[in-house]
């Protein structure tokens, strides 16, 4: 079974930065595009951004210009660099390969990001 492992979350003040990491099995990492998602309390999970095999990226309007997705195929890892964080960015962040209406693989445990002064 595919296991996705997210890390790097924490508590940060508004305006601060965090870098999240997600490791996927090497057998699948290079095949798929990858996305970062987030779910705030009481809200549905939303797609934050994606990165293709050719390193093309796309972002939700709410994070455009502040968040950057990258991938390291040699480490089977996708990253989410988050700058200029806002309280509304507070959520559990997940990675997955995008699929219709959800992710292609079972969701990992996610990593909590809390933006608060």
Protein backbone atom coordinates (compact mmCIF):
# COMPACT_ATOMS: atom_id res chain seq x y z
CA UNK A 1 0.00 0.00 0.00
CA UNK A 2 1.24 3.46 -0.86
CA UNK A 3 2.27 5.47 2.17
CA UNK A 4 2.69 9.23 1.95
CA UNK A 5 4.60 10.93 4.76
CA UNK A 6 4.31 14.66 5.31
CA UNK A 7 6.49 16.66 7.69
CA UNK A 8 7.70 20.16 8.47
CA UNK A 9 4.64 21.76 9.99
CA UNK A 10 4.59 23.81 13.16
CA UNK A 11 3.58 27.03 14.82
CA UNK A 12 4.67 30.22 13.09
CA UNK A 13 3.84 33.88 13.46
CA UNK A 14 2.02 35.77 10.72
CA UNK A 15 4.47 36.76 8.03
CA UNK A 16 6.71 33.81 8.76
CA UNK A 17 7.80 30.90 6.61
CA UNK A 18 7.74 27.12 6.70
CA UNK A 19 8.86 24.40 4.31
CA UNK A 20 6.85 21.20 4.19
CA UNK A 21 8.11 17.92 2.80
CA UNK A 22 6.33 14.85 1.52
CA UNK A 23 8.01 11.56 0.78
CA UNK A 24 6.38 9.03 -1.51
CA UNK A 25 7.49 5.55 -2.56
CA UNK A 26 10.14 5.59 -5.22
CA UNK A 27 8.16 3.15 -7.33
CA UNK A 28 5.51 5.78 -8.05
CA UNK A 29 7.04 9.17 -7.37
CA UNK A 30 8.44 9.80 -10.82
CA UNK A 31 5.28 8.71 -12.59
CA UNK A 32 2.82 11.16 -11.12
CA UNK A 33 2.19 14.83 -10.78
CA UNK A 34 1.93 15.81 -7.12
CA UNK A 35 -0.21 18.21 -5.22
CA UNK A 36 -0.40 19.82 -1.83
CA UNK A 37 -3.78 20.02 -0.15
CA UNK A 38 -4.97 21.49 3.11
CA UNK A 39 -7.92 21.11 5.40
CA UNK A 40 -8.83 23.71 7.97
CA UNK A 41 -11.13 22.88 10.91
CA UNK A 42 -14.72 22.61 9.77
CA UNK A 43 -13.83 22.99 6.10
CA UNK A 44 -13.39 20.68 3.16
CA UNK A 45 -9.97 19.68 1.98
CA UNK A 46 -8.77 22.02 -0.77
CA UNK A 47 -6.04 21.83 -3.36
CA UNK A 48 -3.27 24.34 -2.72
CA UNK A 49 -1.12 23.66 -5.75
CA UNK A 50 0.35 21.06 -8.07
CA UNK A 51 3.59 20.22 -9.82
CA UNK A 52 3.91 18.05 -12.92
CA UNK A 53 6.69 15.71 -13.96
CA UNK A 54 8.04 18.56 -16.07
CA UNK A 55 8.03 20.90 -13.06
CA UNK A 56 5.09 22.95 -14.24
CA UNK A 57 3.31 24.38 -11.23
CA UNK A 58 -0.14 25.74 -10.59
CA UNK A 59 -1.52 27.37 -7.45
CA UNK A 60 -4.77 28.33 -5.83
CA UNK A 61 -5.39 32.06 -5.98
CA UNK A 62 -5.26 32.26 -2.19
CA UNK A 63 -1.59 31.22 -2.10
CA UNK A 64 -0.28 32.45 -5.45
CA UNK A 65 2.88 34.48 -5.01
CA UNK A 66 3.43 33.21 -1.46
CA UNK A 67 3.73 29.43 -1.84
CA UNK A 68 6.12 27.49 -4.06
CA UNK A 69 6.00 23.77 -4.86
CA UNK A 70 9.10 21.90 -5.94
CA UNK A 71 10.14 18.29 -6.28
CA UNK A 72 13.35 16.30 -5.95
CA UNK A 73 13.03 13.09 -7.91
CA UNK A 74 16.28 11.74 -6.47
CA UNK A 75 14.77 11.90 -2.99
CA UNK A 76 11.18 10.99 -3.93
CA UNK A 77 10.15 14.20 -2.19
CA UNK A 78 7.85 17.09 -2.99
CA UNK A 79 8.18 20.35 -1.08
CA UNK A 80 5.91 23.25 -0.25
CA UNK A 81 7.72 26.48 0.60
CA UNK A 82 5.29 28.79 2.37
CA UNK A 83 6.17 32.44 2.82
CA UNK A 84 4.23 35.42 4.15
CA UNK A 85 2.00 33.09 6.09
CA UNK A 86 -1.40 34.30 7.24
CA UNK A 87 -3.69 33.02 10.00
CA UNK A 88 -6.05 31.73 7.31
CA UNK A 89 -3.31 29.37 6.16
CA UNK A 90 -3.78 27.40 9.37
CA UNK A 91 -4.69 23.85 8.42
CA UNK A 92 -3.47 20.29 8.19
CA UNK A 93 -1.46 19.96 5.00
CA UNK A 94 -1.36 16.80 2.91
CA UNK A 95 0.27 15.70 -0.30
CA UNK A 96 -1.14 13.34 -2.89
CA UNK A 97 -1.21 12.69 -6.60
CA UNK A 98 -4.19 14.64 -7.90
CA UNK A 99 -7.15 12.61 -9.12
CA UNK A 100 -10.75 13.42 -9.90
CA UNK A 101 -12.38 14.79 -6.72
CA UNK A 102 -9.62 13.48 -4.46
CA UNK A 103 -6.13 12.07 -4.29
CA UNK A 104 -4.99 8.99 -6.11
CA UNK A 105 -3.59 7.31 -3.02
CA UNK A 106 -4.59 6.86 0.64
CA UNK A 107 -4.10 10.06 2.57
CA UNK A 108 -1.18 10.31 4.95
CA UNK A 109 -1.35 11.73 8.43
CA UNK A 110 -0.69 15.25 7.22
CA UNK A 111 1.29 17.93 8.99
CA UNK A 112 -0.28 20.69 11.08
CA UNK A 113 0.50 24.29 10.23
CA UNK A 114 -0.66 26.91 12.70
CA UNK A 115 -0.18 30.60 11.97
CA UNK A 116 -0.76 32.66 15.06
CA UNK A 117 0.78 35.44 17.07
